[in-house]
Amino acid sequence: MSAAPDASCATHVDILLVEDNHSDADLTMRALARGGVGASIRWVQDGVEALDFVNGTGEFAGRDSSELPKLVLLDLKMPRLDGFDVLRAMKANERTRPIPVIVMTSSNQRRDVAECYRIGANGYVTKPIDVAKLSSMIVRVANYWLKFNQMPK
């Protein structure tokens, strides 16, 4: 599991976790490790870092951008560039469009849910307040998208 961005890191990533809250990111990474998901995880703290990572630009300019994550877990409310903008950019780009993007947020606003699906989210999950329920949900989401979902080759 990775914490802070490091352009020299290996390029293979199963899950790109886009989350500005350190506690939520830590909980997510621990849940995935304890749940036996067996995925390599890269954590970035805002939308700018997320797009830089998938595009191999900015602080990730040395990264092989042909190595795309298999899954993006995306928070909506973040500084610099929010999750809506990240989702729009990823789904507008033919190269990144196929990557499943699951919005994981505390917002259960109908307009947020509708907008995310309108612009291409593959899933929308409201984070439960209960830590055990949240951990279980994270593992189930990751297992489905990494182990059961079939992607085009």
Foldseek 3Di string as FASTA:
>chain_A
DDDEDALPDALAFQEEEEAQDPVVVVLLVVLQVVLVLPTHYHYDRHLVVVVCSCCCDDNNVNHDNLNHHQEYEAEADGPPHGRLRSLLVQCVDPSRNQRAYEYEYQDPDPVVVVSSVVSRHPYYHHQDPDSVVNSVVSNVVSCCSPPPDDTDD
